[in-house]
Amino acid sequence: MVLDTLYPPHCLACDEPVQEPGTLCAACWGQTPFIDGLACDTCGTPLLGRTDEAPVHCDDCLTVARPWNHGRAALVYGEVARKMVLALKYGDRHDIAAPAGRWLARAVSPLVRADTLVAPVPLHRWRLFKRRYNQSALLAQALARQIARPCCPDLLLRTRRTTIQDGRTRAGRFENLSGAIAPHPRRAGRIAGRHVLLVDDVMTSGATLAAATEACYLAGADAVDVVVMARVSRDE
């Protein structure tokens, strides 16, 4: 309580004071598009229609093969979501991971199984050294705590350093990630026969998650689902 007086909590996305730490102010909450209604069963993008019409699929997922079973997203990648994702990814804002874990848990709860193993999309070791942490691992650990399932932060490895995806075409994104992710040699045994829930901060084309999914199936996963903090819509 003394710390709250000295350092009052602020909104996750701006400098406005809030009543509780790890929350959004009223203005940012109103501008944050949480995905609560009908959404694509494969990638989580919001769709028009009633939830009782599920499962449905977006145009992208009807034309692009997805190796995973189901996909979910907590937010649409808009202005406020973008601020939080970039702050978590580049700004050392680890405090965003815990509330994001709650949002992810709400999005993914119907997919959780007794044998679910949570794992993040990996960073290459040089990028991890430079950034000092993997934001997807922070999200995966926060989600695992919420759904009471084990998390293996190093289940997968980046086998080669890839260039950034920004500015690439969809085909270029998939080509850039081809063969770039593999099971960790000392962790592959945890994958065989299990349900793996992969976690990432943002889904754009889905190329990174596809590469990670294929690595899980290579190690004998029974099923793979994916969940992201934010889904880039076609309008972004």
C-alpha atoms as a PDB file:
ATOM      1  CA  MET A   1       0.000   0.000   0.000  1.00  0.00           C
ATOM      2  CA  VAL A   2       2.890   2.356   0.808  1.00  0.00           C
ATOM      3  CA  LEU A   3       4.419   1.598  -2.591  1.00  0.00           C
ATOM      4  CA  ASP A   4       1.099   2.397  -4.274  1.00  0.00           C
ATOM      5  CA  THR A   5       1.175   5.788  -2.566  1.00  0.00           C
ATOM      6  CA  LEU A   6       4.765   6.477  -3.606  1.00  0.00           C
ATOM      7  CA  TYR A   7       4.409   4.885  -7.032  1.00  0.00           C
ATOM      8  CA  PRO A   8       0.721   4.911  -7.979  1.00  0.00           C
ATOM      9  CA  PRO A   9      -0.221   2.372 -10.664  1.00  0.00           C
ATOM     10  CA  HIS A  10      -0.508   3.607 -14.220  1.00  0.00           C
ATOM     11  CA  CYS A  11      -2.372   2.334 -17.256  1.00  0.00           C
ATOM     12  CA  LEU A  12      -0.587  -0.440 -19.163  1.00  0.00           C
ATOM     13  CA  ALA A  13      -0.747   1.604 -22.354  1.00  0.00           C
ATOM     14  CA  CYS A  14      -0.415   5.232 -21.231  1.00  0.00           C
ATOM     15  CA  ASP A  15       0.526   7.375 -18.221  1.00  0.00           C
ATOM     16  CA  GLU A  16      -2.967   7.760 -16.800  1.00  0.00           C
ATOM     17  CA  PRO A  17      -3.338   6.631 -13.163  1.00  0.00           C
ATOM     18  CA  VAL A  18      -5.516   3.574 -12.506  1.00  0.00           C
ATOM     19  CA  GLN A  19      -6.988   1.989  -9.401  1.00  0.00           C
ATOM     20  CA  GLU A  20      -5.189  -1.338  -9.743  1.00  0.00           C
ATOM     21  CA  PRO A  21      -1.822  -2.255 -11.259  1.00  0.00           C
ATOM     22  CA  GLY A  22      -1.925  -4.279 -14.443  1.00  0.00           C
ATOM     23  CA  THR A  23      -5.053  -2.623 -15.830  1.00  0.00           C
ATOM     24  CA  LEU A  24      -6.032  -0.184 -18.560  1.00  0.00           C
ATOM     25  CA  CYS A  25      -7.519   3.247 -18.021  1.00  0.00           C
ATOM     26  CA  ALA A  26     -11.076   3.825 -19.231  1.00  0.00           C
ATOM     27  CA  ALA A  27      -9.938   5.580 -22.406  1.00  0.00           C
ATOM     28  CA  CYS A  28      -7.463   2.867 -23.418  1.00  0.00           C
ATOM     29  CA  TRP A  29      -9.904   0.112 -22.493  1.00  0.00           C
ATOM     30  CA  GLY A  30     -12.450   1.635 -24.828  1.00  0.00           C
ATOM     31  CA  GLN A  31      -9.890   1.748 -27.645  1.00  0.00           C
ATOM     32  CA  THR A  32      -8.631  -1.807 -27.126  1.00  0.00           C
ATOM     33  CA  PRO A  33     -10.422  -4.281 -29.413  1.00  0.00           C
ATOM     34  CA  PHE A  34     -10.639  -7.451 -27.336  1.00  0.00           C
ATOM     35  CA  ILE A  35     -11.787 -10.414 -29.434  1.00  0.00           C
ATOM     36  CA  ASP A  36     -14.897 -11.621 -27.623  1.00  0.00           C
ATOM     37  CA  GLY A  37     -17.331 -12.484 -30.412  1.00  0.00           C
ATOM     38  CA  LEU A  38     -17.211 -14.767 -33.411  1.00  0.00           C
ATOM     39  CA  ALA A  39     -13.665 -15.398 -34.630  1.00  0.00           C
ATOM     40  CA  CYS A  40     -11.858 -17.611 -37.112  1.00  0.00           C
ATOM     41  CA  ASP A  41     -11.297 -21.019 -35.539  1.00  0.00           C
ATOM     42  CA  THR A  42      -7.860 -21.256 -37.127  1.00  0.00           C
ATOM     43  CA  CYS A  43      -6.245 -17.859 -36.620  1.00  0.00           C
ATOM     44  CA  GLY A  44      -8.475 -15.961 -34.181  1.00  0.00           C
ATOM     45  CA  THR A  45      -9.279 -12.988 -36.392  1.00  0.00           C
ATOM     46  CA  PRO A  46     -12.704 -11.525 -35.528  1.00  0.00           C
ATOM     47  CA  LEU A  47     -15.564 -12.169 -37.946  1.00  0.00           C
ATOM     48  CA  LEU A  48     -19.086 -10.922 -38.421  1.00  0.00           C
ATOM     49  CA  GLY A  49     -21.780 -13.242 -37.144  1.00  0.00           C
ATOM     50  CA  ARG A  50     -23.042 -14.955 -34.030  1.00  0.00           C
ATOM     51  CA  THR A  51     -20.896 -17.117 -31.782  1.00  0.00           C
ATOM     52  CA  ASP A  52     -23.349 -19.989 -32.185  1.00  0.00           C
ATOM     53  CA  GLU A  53     -22.253 -20.170 -35.839  1.00  0.00           C
ATOM     54  CA  ALA A  54     -18.776 -21.350 -34.795  1.00  0.00           C
ATOM     55  CA  PRO A  55     -16.566 -22.924 -35.936  1.00  0.00           C
ATOM     56  CA  VAL A  56     -15.983 -20.687 -38.952  1.00  0.00           C
ATOM     57  CA  HIS A  57     -12.890 -19.720 -40.915  1.00  0.00           C
ATOM     58  CA  CYS A  58     -11.680 -16.463 -42.413  1.00  0.00           C
ATOM     59  CA  ASP A  59     -10.836 -16.054 -46.083  1.00  0.00           C
ATOM     60  CA  ASP A  60      -7.095 -16.289 -45.382  1.00  0.00           C
ATOM     61  CA  CYS A  61      -7.416 -19.611 -43.576  1.00  0.00           C
ATOM     62  CA  LEU A  62      -9.605 -20.979 -46.364  1.00  0.00           C
ATOM     63  CA  THR A  63      -6.794 -20.325 -48.840  1.00  0.00           C
ATOM     64  CA  VAL A  64      -3.612 -20.760 -46.750  1.00  0.00           C
ATOM     65  CA  ALA A  65      -2.900 -24.166 -45.220  1.00  0.00           C
ATOM     66  CA  ARG A  66      -2.349 -23.934 -41.470  1.00  0.00           C
ATOM     67  CA  PRO A  67      -0.477 -26.847 -39.862  1.00  0.00           C
ATOM     68  CA  TRP A  68      -1.956 -26.229 -36.406  1.00  0.00           C
ATOM     69  CA  ASN A  69      -5.448 -27.321 -35.288  1.00  0.00           C
ATOM     70  CA  HIS A  70      -6.934 -24.177 -33.737  1.00  0.00           C
ATOM     71  CA  GLY A  71      -5.801 -20.588 -33.272  1.00  0.00           C
ATOM     72  CA  ARG A  72      -6.898 -17.896 -30.856  1.00  0.00           C
ATOM     73  CA  ALA A  73      -6.007 -14.241 -30.256  1.00  0.00           C
ATOM     74  CA  ALA A  74      -6.784 -11.943 -27.348  1.00  0.00           C
ATOM     75  CA  LEU A  75      -6.699  -8.596 -29.199  1.00  0.00           C
ATOM     76  CA  VAL A  76      -6.801  -7.066 -32.639  1.00  0.00           C
ATOM     77  CA  TYR A  77      -3.472  -5.413 -33.385  1.00  0.00           C
ATOM     78  CA  GLY A  78      -4.682  -1.810 -33.254  1.00  0.00           C
ATOM     79  CA  GLU A  79      -3.226   1.350 -31.744  1.00  0.00           C
ATOM     80  CA  VAL A  80      -3.430   0.433 -28.042  1.00  0.00           C
ATOM     81  CA  ALA A  81      -2.594  -3.233 -28.582  1.00  0.00           C
ATOM     82  CA  ARG A  82       0.380  -2.196 -30.705  1.00  0.00           C
ATOM     83  CA  LYS A  83       1.671   0.066 -27.914  1.00  0.00           C
ATOM     84  CA  MET A  84       1.514  -2.787 -25.426  1.00  0.00           C
ATOM     85  CA  VAL A  85       3.084  -5.346 -27.757  1.00  0.00           C
ATOM     86  CA  LEU A  86       5.997  -3.052 -28.621  1.00  0.00           C
ATOM     87  CA  ALA A  87       6.474  -2.049 -24.978  1.00  0.00           C
ATOM     88  CA  LEU A  88       6.616  -5.705 -23.957  1.00  0.00           C
ATOM     89  CA  LYS A  89       8.861  -6.639 -26.870  1.00  0.00           C
ATOM     90  CA  TYR A  90      11.360  -3.780 -26.857  1.00  0.00           C
ATOM     91  CA  GLY A  91      10.681  -1.651 -23.795  1.00  0.00           C
ATOM     92  CA  ASP A  92      11.366  -4.061 -20.908  1.00  0.00           C
ATOM     93  CA  ARG A  93       7.720  -3.775 -19.864  1.00  0.00           C
ATOM     94  CA  HIS A  94       7.559  -7.207 -18.265  1.00  0.00           C
ATOM     95  CA  ASP A  95       4.579  -6.031 -16.211  1.00  0.00           C
ATOM     96  CA  ILE A  96       2.399  -6.355 -19.310  1.00  0.00           C
ATOM     97  CA  ALA A  97       2.897 -10.138 -19.435  1.00  0.00           C
ATOM     98  CA  ALA A  98       0.759 -10.990 -16.381  1.00  0.00           C
ATOM     99  CA  PRO A  99      -2.446  -9.214 -17.486  1.00  0.00           C
ATOM    100  CA  ALA A 100      -1.846 -10.425 -21.043  1.00  0.00           C
ATOM    101  CA  GLY A 101      -1.655 -13.940 -19.632  1.00  0.00           C
ATOM    102  CA  ARG A 102      -5.176 -13.503 -18.266  1.00  0.00           C
ATOM    103  CA  TRP A 103      -6.426 -12.304 -21.639  1.00  0.00           C
ATOM    104  CA  LEU A 104      -4.767 -15.242 -23.378  1.00  0.00           C
ATOM    105  CA  ALA A 105      -6.254 -17.698 -20.881  1.00  0.00           C
ATOM    106  CA  ARG A 106      -9.742 -16.387 -21.552  1.00  0.00           C
ATOM    107  CA  ALA A 107      -9.223 -16.736 -25.298  1.00  0.00           C
ATOM    108  CA  VAL A 108      -7.768 -20.225 -25.204  1.00  0.00           C
ATOM    109  CA  SER A 109      -9.646 -21.880 -22.314  1.00  0.00           C
ATOM    110  CA  PRO A 110     -11.836 -24.153 -24.507  1.00  0.00           C
ATOM    111  CA  LEU A 111      -8.719 -25.659 -26.094  1.00  0.00           C
ATOM    112  CA  VAL A 112      -6.867 -26.595 -22.897  1.00  0.00           C
ATOM    113  CA  ARG A 113      -6.452 -30.331 -22.283  1.00  0.00           C
ATOM    114  CA  ALA A 114      -5.147 -32.361 -19.365  1.00  0.00           C
ATOM    115  CA  ASP A 115      -1.941 -33.031 -21.303  1.00  0.00           C
ATOM    116  CA  THR A 116      -1.414 -29.475 -22.557  1.00  0.00           C
ATOM    117  CA  LEU A 117       2.177 -28.256 -22.617  1.00  0.00           C
ATOM    118  CA  VAL A 118       2.641 -24.498 -23.106  1.00  0.00           C
ATOM    119  CA  ALA A 119       5.641 -23.277 -25.104  1.00  0.00           C
ATOM    120  CA  PRO A 120       6.700 -19.992 -26.709  1.00  0.00           C
ATOM    121  CA  VAL A 121       7.888 -19.336 -30.217  1.00  0.00           C
ATOM    122  CA  PRO A 122      11.691 -19.176 -29.767  1.00  0.00           C
ATOM    123  CA  LEU A 123      14.143 -16.378 -30.449  1.00  0.00           C
ATOM    124  CA  HIS A 124      17.523 -17.019 -32.026  1.00  0.00           C
ATOM    125  CA  ARG A 125      20.265 -17.021 -29.375  1.00  0.00           C
ATOM    126  CA  TRP A 126      21.883 -13.849 -30.738  1.00  0.00           C
ATOM    127  CA  ARG A 127      18.615 -11.951 -30.720  1.00  0.00           C
ATOM    128  CA  LEU A 128      17.901 -13.274 -27.226  1.00  0.00           C
ATOM    129  CA  PHE A 129      21.349 -12.122 -26.097  1.00  0.00           C
ATOM    130  CA  LYS A 130      20.738  -8.665 -27.518  1.00  0.00           C
ATOM    131  CA  ARG A 131      17.188  -8.290 -26.139  1.00  0.00           C
ATOM    132  CA  ARG A 132      17.924 -10.223 -22.909  1.00  0.00           C
ATOM    133  CA  TYR A 133      14.511 -11.886 -22.834  1.00  0.00           C
ATOM    134  CA  ASN A 134      11.954 -13.533 -25.085  1.00  0.00           C
ATOM    135  CA  GLN A 135       8.650 -11.665 -24.847  1.00  0.00           C
ATOM    136  CA  SER A 136       6.776 -14.751 -26.081  1.00  0.00           C
ATOM    137  CA  ALA A 137       8.284 -16.780 -23.234  1.00  0.00           C
ATOM    138  CA  LEU A 138       7.022 -14.207 -20.726  1.00  0.00           C
ATOM    139  CA  LEU A 139       3.541 -14.536 -22.224  1.00  0.00           C
ATOM    140  CA  ALA A 140       3.742 -18.334 -22.255  1.00  0.00           C
ATOM    141  CA  GLN A 141       4.738 -18.475 -18.592  1.00  0.00           C
ATOM    142  CA  ALA A 142       1.969 -16.055 -17.615  1.00  0.00           C
ATOM    143  CA  LEU A 143      -0.585 -18.091 -19.561  1.00  0.00           C
ATOM    144  CA  ALA A 144       0.632 -21.373 -18.068  1.00  0.00           C
ATOM    145  CA  ARG A 145       0.117 -19.994 -14.568  1.00  0.00           C
ATOM    146  CA  GLN A 146      -3.426 -18.950 -15.438  1.00  0.00           C
ATOM    147  CA  ILE A 147      -4.460 -22.322 -16.873  1.00  0.00           C
ATOM    148  CA  ALA A 148      -2.396 -24.400 -14.416  1.00  0.00           C
ATOM    149  CA  ARG A 149      -0.442 -26.251 -17.078  1.00  0.00           C
ATOM    150  CA  PRO A 150       3.337 -26.772 -17.431  1.00  0.00           C
ATOM    151  CA  CYS A 151       5.430 -24.427 -19.538  1.00  0.00           C
ATOM    152  CA  CYS A 152       8.700 -25.252 -21.279  1.00  0.00           C
ATOM    153  CA  PRO A 153      10.340 -21.969 -22.366  1.00  0.00           C
ATOM    154  CA  ASP A 154      13.064 -23.719 -24.401  1.00  0.00           C
ATOM    155  CA  LEU A 155      10.985 -26.480 -25.958  1.00  0.00           C
ATOM    156  CA  LEU A 156      11.930 -25.206 -29.425  1.00  0.00           C
ATOM    157  CA  LEU A 157      15.075 -23.632 -30.904  1.00  0.00           C
ATOM    158  CA  ARG A 158      15.813 -21.250 -33.737  1.00  0.00           C
ATOM    159  CA  THR A 159      18.318 -23.240 -35.738  1.00  0.00           C
ATOM    160  CA  ARG A 160      19.445 -20.278 -37.816  1.00  0.00           C
ATOM    161  CA  ARG A 161      19.264 -16.528 -37.604  1.00  0.00           C
ATOM    162  CA  THR A 162      16.502 -15.072 -39.775  1.00  0.00           C
ATOM    163  CA  THR A 163      16.055 -11.507 -40.931  1.00  0.00           C
ATOM    164  CA  ILE A 164      13.081  -9.517 -39.670  1.00  0.00           C
ATOM    165  CA  GLN A 165       9.703 -10.229 -41.226  1.00  0.00           C
ATOM    166  CA  ASP A 166       8.562  -6.608 -41.569  1.00  0.00           C
ATOM    167  CA  GLY A 167       8.140  -5.543 -45.171  1.00  0.00           C
ATOM    168  CA  ARG A 168       8.157  -9.073 -46.582  1.00  0.00           C
ATOM    169  CA  THR A 169       5.369 -10.521 -48.683  1.00  0.00           C
ATOM    170  CA  ARG A 170       3.428 -13.461 -47.292  1.00  0.00           C
ATOM    171  CA  ALA A 171       5.413 -15.871 -49.450  1.00  0.00           C
ATOM    172  CA  GLY A 172       8.628 -14.180 -48.328  1.00  0.00           C
ATOM    173  CA  ARG A 173       7.695 -14.566 -44.674  1.00  0.00           C
ATOM    174  CA  PHE A 174       7.135 -18.297 -45.060  1.00  0.00           C
ATOM    175  CA  GLU A 175      10.351 -18.728 -47.061  1.00  0.00           C
ATOM    176  CA  ASN A 176      12.317 -16.792 -44.439  1.00  0.00           C
ATOM    177  CA  LEU A 177      11.147 -19.145 -41.660  1.00  0.00           C
ATOM    178  CA  SER A 178      11.381 -22.416 -43.579  1.00  0.00           C
ATOM    179  CA  GLY A 179      13.387 -24.890 -41.521  1.00  0.00           C
ATOM    180  CA  ALA A 180      14.389 -22.219 -39.005  1.00  0.00           C
ATOM    181  CA  ILE A 181      12.762 -23.813 -35.933  1.00  0.00           C
ATOM    182  CA  ALA A 182      13.377 -27.268 -34.475  1.00  0.00           C
ATOM    183  CA  PRO A 183      12.708 -29.165 -31.237  1.00  0.00           C
ATOM    184  CA  HIS A 184      15.337 -28.686 -28.562  1.00  0.00           C
ATOM    185  CA  PRO A 185      17.333 -31.964 -28.520  1.00  0.00           C
ATOM    186  CA  ARG A 186      16.985 -32.257 -24.739  1.00  0.00           C
ATOM    187  CA  ARG A 187      13.279 -31.321 -24.681  1.00  0.00           C
ATOM    188  CA  ALA A 188      11.863 -33.235 -27.638  1.00  0.00           C
ATOM    189  CA  GLY A 189      10.809 -36.094 -25.359  1.00  0.00           C
ATOM    190  CA  ARG A 190       8.306 -33.785 -23.671  1.00  0.00           C
ATOM    191  CA  ILE A 191       6.492 -33.229 -26.962  1.00  0.00           C
ATOM    192  CA  ALA A 192       5.762 -36.776 -28.082  1.00  0.00           C
ATOM    193  CA  GLY A 193       2.096 -37.710 -27.740  1.00  0.00           C
ATOM    194  CA  ARG A 194       1.080 -34.421 -26.126  1.00  0.00           C
ATOM    195  CA  HIS A 195      -1.019 -31.388 -26.885  1.00  0.00           C
ATOM    196  CA  VAL A 196       1.290 -28.400 -27.411  1.00  0.00           C
ATOM    197  CA  LEU A 197      -0.058 -24.867 -27.040  1.00  0.00           C
ATOM    198  CA  LEU A 198       2.257 -22.422 -28.819  1.00  0.00           C
ATOM    199  CA  VAL A 199       2.356 -18.788 -27.718  1.00  0.00           C
ATOM    200  CA  ASP A 200       3.520 -15.701 -29.597  1.00  0.00           C
ATOM    201  CA  ASP A 201       3.005 -11.964 -29.241  1.00  0.00           C
ATOM    202  CA  VAL A 202       1.629 -11.206 -32.730  1.00  0.00           C
ATOM    203  CA  MET A 203       0.346 -13.178 -35.698  1.00  0.00           C
ATOM    204  CA  THR A 204       0.579 -11.563 -39.126  1.00  0.00           C
ATOM    205  CA  SER A 205       0.984 -14.162 -41.874  1.00  0.00           C
ATOM    206  CA  GLY A 206       1.322 -17.075 -39.443  1.00  0.00           C
ATOM    207  CA  ALA A 207       4.692 -18.114 -40.915  1.00  0.00           C
ATOM    208  CA  THR A 208       6.528 -18.219 -37.578  1.00  0.00           C
ATOM    209  CA  LEU A 209       3.796 -20.208 -35.870  1.00  0.00           C
ATOM    210  CA  ALA A 210       3.641 -22.577 -38.845  1.00  0.00           C
ATOM    211  CA  ALA A 211       7.376 -23.297 -38.574  1.00  0.00           C
ATOM    212  CA  ALA A 212       7.061 -23.868 -34.825  1.00  0.00           C
ATOM    213  CA  THR A 213       4.050 -26.133 -35.307  1.00  0.00           C
ATOM    214  CA  GLU A 214       5.867 -28.261 -37.867  1.00  0.00           C
ATOM    215  CA  ALA A 215       8.763 -28.641 -35.426  1.00  0.00           C
ATOM    216  CA  CYS A 216       6.345 -29.940 -32.767  1.00  0.00           C
ATOM    217  CA  TYR A 217       4.818 -32.467 -35.137  1.00  0.00           C
ATOM    218  CA  LEU A 218       8.312 -33.534 -36.166  1.00  0.00           C
ATOM    219  CA  ALA A 219       8.875 -34.450 -32.503  1.00  0.00           C
ATOM    220  CA  GLY A 220       5.629 -36.445 -32.341  1.00  0.00           C
ATOM    221  CA  ALA A 221       3.085 -33.995 -30.913  1.00  0.00           C
ATOM    222  CA  ASP A 222      -0.464 -35.354 -30.789  1.00  0.00           C
ATOM    223  CA  ALA A 223      -1.994 -31.924 -31.531  1.00  0.00           C
ATOM    224  CA  VAL A 224      -0.833 -28.307 -31.747  1.00  0.00           C
ATOM    225  CA  ASP A 225      -2.879 -25.173 -31.111  1.00  0.00           C
ATOM    226  CA  VAL A 226      -1.671 -21.564 -31.157  1.00  0.00           C
ATOM    227  CA  VAL A 227      -2.575 -18.401 -29.269  1.00  0.00           C
ATOM    228  CA  VAL A 228      -1.279 -14.854 -29.665  1.00  0.00           C
ATOM    229  CA  MET A 229      -1.657 -11.641 -27.758  1.00  0.00           C
ATOM    230  CA  ALA A 230      -2.660  -9.745 -30.916  1.00  0.00           C
ATOM    231  CA  ARG A 231      -3.801 -10.657 -34.402  1.00  0.00           C
ATOM    232  CA  VAL A 232      -3.001  -8.332 -37.275  1.00  0.00           C
ATOM    233  CA  SER A 233      -6.156  -7.886 -39.324  1.00  0.00           C
ATOM    234  CA  ARG A 234      -6.205  -7.417 -43.073  1.00  0.00           C
ATOM    235  CA  ASP A 235      -7.136  -3.787 -42.512  1.00  0.00           C
ATOM    236  CA  GLU A 236      -3.967  -3.028 -40.507  1.00  0.00           C
END
